[in-house]
Amino acid sequence: MKNLNPLFYRSLAVLFILVALSYLFIDIPLAVYCRNMDAGVRNFFGVVTELGISTWYLIGSFALFLFFRFVSKQTINAQRALFFFVSIVISGILVNVVRFTAGRYRPEMLFSKGLYGFTFFEIEHALVSFPSGHTTTAFAIAMALSFFWRKYWPFFGLFALMVGVSRMIITAHYLSDVIAGAYVGIVSVIFLKNFTAGYWEKNLFSNRSLGSPDKGRDASVPFR
């Protein structure tokens, strides 16, 4: 963990710069462009965006944890399912704390009432745009799965990126919301892995597939 803090603060600085630039120069024109895109494209990404809903991932991963823990007695797979579940829970809590605190107008408020910016401490759906919750969930999933099977990280990353892009194309969020959501999803899972390292089996984060034997070498992604 000694090397994580400087990297974390540098990443926060980069995040702030990217969000600020997007907020000032990109968010509005990009939202207007996306709103005028072909209906077929928007409908397609309207389906893609459903992949960022956390409910079924939470139910599925917790069910897998119970199955592997108490039925098939596969310790590693049970812990992987639990880590996946907790990754989504933690990232979801963090993103909602930020959203309710920031209270940013969603693009729909720009198009319907000309409102843009932050109102702070809001809970209404139209006023909690920053960061994107769907994007946070997708990137938390991608990060957790990349810890388990790191050679497939490009596919997991593409999945998360598609969800993030979908949030902009259907004008549910601005680009800066998506950037911040991706950051929360990634960083929360990295912190979870490092702060709970002593709890998990040493070979939890490996390249082996689900259902394989419990023995194997440690191949965790090197975020320490």
Foldseek 3Di string as FASTA:
>chain_A
DVVQVVVVVVVVVVLVVVLVCCQVPNFVVLLVVLVPDDPVVLVVLVVLLVQLDCVVLLVVLCVQLCCCVPPVVAQLSNVLSVLLNVLLVQLLVVLVVVQQAFQFAFVVCCVPPVDGGTDGRHDDLRRRAAADSSLLSLLLNLQSVCQAAVVCSVVSVVSSVSNLVSCSSNRRHTNSNNSRSNVSNNVSSLCVCVVCVVVGDQQSRYNDDPPDHNDDHRDGDPDD
